[in-house]
Amino acid sequence: MIKPTEKPAPPKTLIPSQIDAVIWFDCSRDECLRRALGRRIDSQSNIIYHIQDNPPSIEKSPLCEIIEPIDDESESMACLVDRWVAFDQTRSGLEKWLTQFGVEVTNTNLLARIEASGDINSVYEQIDAILKQIIEHKVREQTLLRSTIQGTLISEEEIEQERLRAIQEEEDAKKRKEEDGEKEGDGASADDAKSGGKTARSVALSKGSARDASQFSADDTVAGRDNVDGDFSGVLMTLWKSISVNYKEQMMKVLRKQRVQRENIQHYLHNVQV
C-alpha cells in the first residue's frame, strides 16, 4: 500500500494572554541540590545564609556557633527528590501549554527561558533584559493606542464642526431670505399706498370740479392694501429668537458632552501611561 502524503501542520497563531511572561529557570539538578542543602539559618536573628555563596561573618564567633541547618521537612533531600519527580512528569505538558500564548505581532512567546546555573549577577542580567523587552512592547502599544484615540477625537471634532458650520450657514441663509422678503413687502406697501393716493385724487377730481375738496367724504377715496408683512414682523422675530435660543442650548449640550468625553479619554490615557 502507498503511504499517504503527510500534510504540513498549519501555522500556529499565538494566543493573547493577560500575563506578560513566564520566566523558566533552567538549572541542573546538582546545582539545585548544592543551593538547597547549603542553606543555614541564624537562630537568633532568623537570617538565612549559605555556607558557600553567602556565609556570615566569623569575626566575633565561630561559624558553628552562629548558624545551624534548617530543620524543615520541605527542605530535606527526600522532599526535593519528590519535587523533581513531580516536575519531570508535568514538564512537557506545561511547556506545551505555555508556548501557545504570546504576542503574534512580535512573535514573542510567553515562556521566557534563562540559564539559572550561573551566579546571581548573571541571572539578574537575564531577567532584567526580559523585563526591558516587555516594557518596550507595552510602551509601543500605549503610544499606538494613544495616537489612534487622538486621531479619532480629531476626526469627530472636525465632522461636528463641519455639521455646525452647515447648520449656521443654513440659518443665515434663511435669515437673509426673510429680511429680503420683509424689505420687498415694505416696498410693495409703499407703492400701493402711493398708487392708492393717486387713485383717490383722480376719483375725487372726476366727480366734478363743482365740489370743493373739503366736500369729499371717506367714501370718495379708495383705501390702499394693508401691510400684511408689517403686521407679522413681530411674530416672526419672536419665533426667530425662540429658535435661536433653542439652537444655542442644544449646541451647548452637544459641546459639553464632547468635552466630558474628551476629559474622560485624557484621564484614561494618563492612567494608562502612569
Foldseek 3Di string as FASTA:
>chain_A
DDDDDDDDDDDAAADEDPALADEAEDADPVLVLQQLFQWWAFPVPRDIAGPPPGQDDPPPHDSVNGIDGDPDPCSDPVNVVVVVVVCVVCVVVVVVVQQSHDDRVVSDGRYHYDHNHDDPVRVVVSVVVSVVVSVVVLVVVLVVVVVVVVVVLVVVVVVVVVVVVVVVVVLVVVVVVLVVVLVVLVVVQVVQQVVQVVVLVVQVPVVDPVDDPVPDDPVSGDDGDDSPSVVCVVVVVVVSVVVVVVVVVVVVVVVVVSVVVVVVVVVVSVVSVD
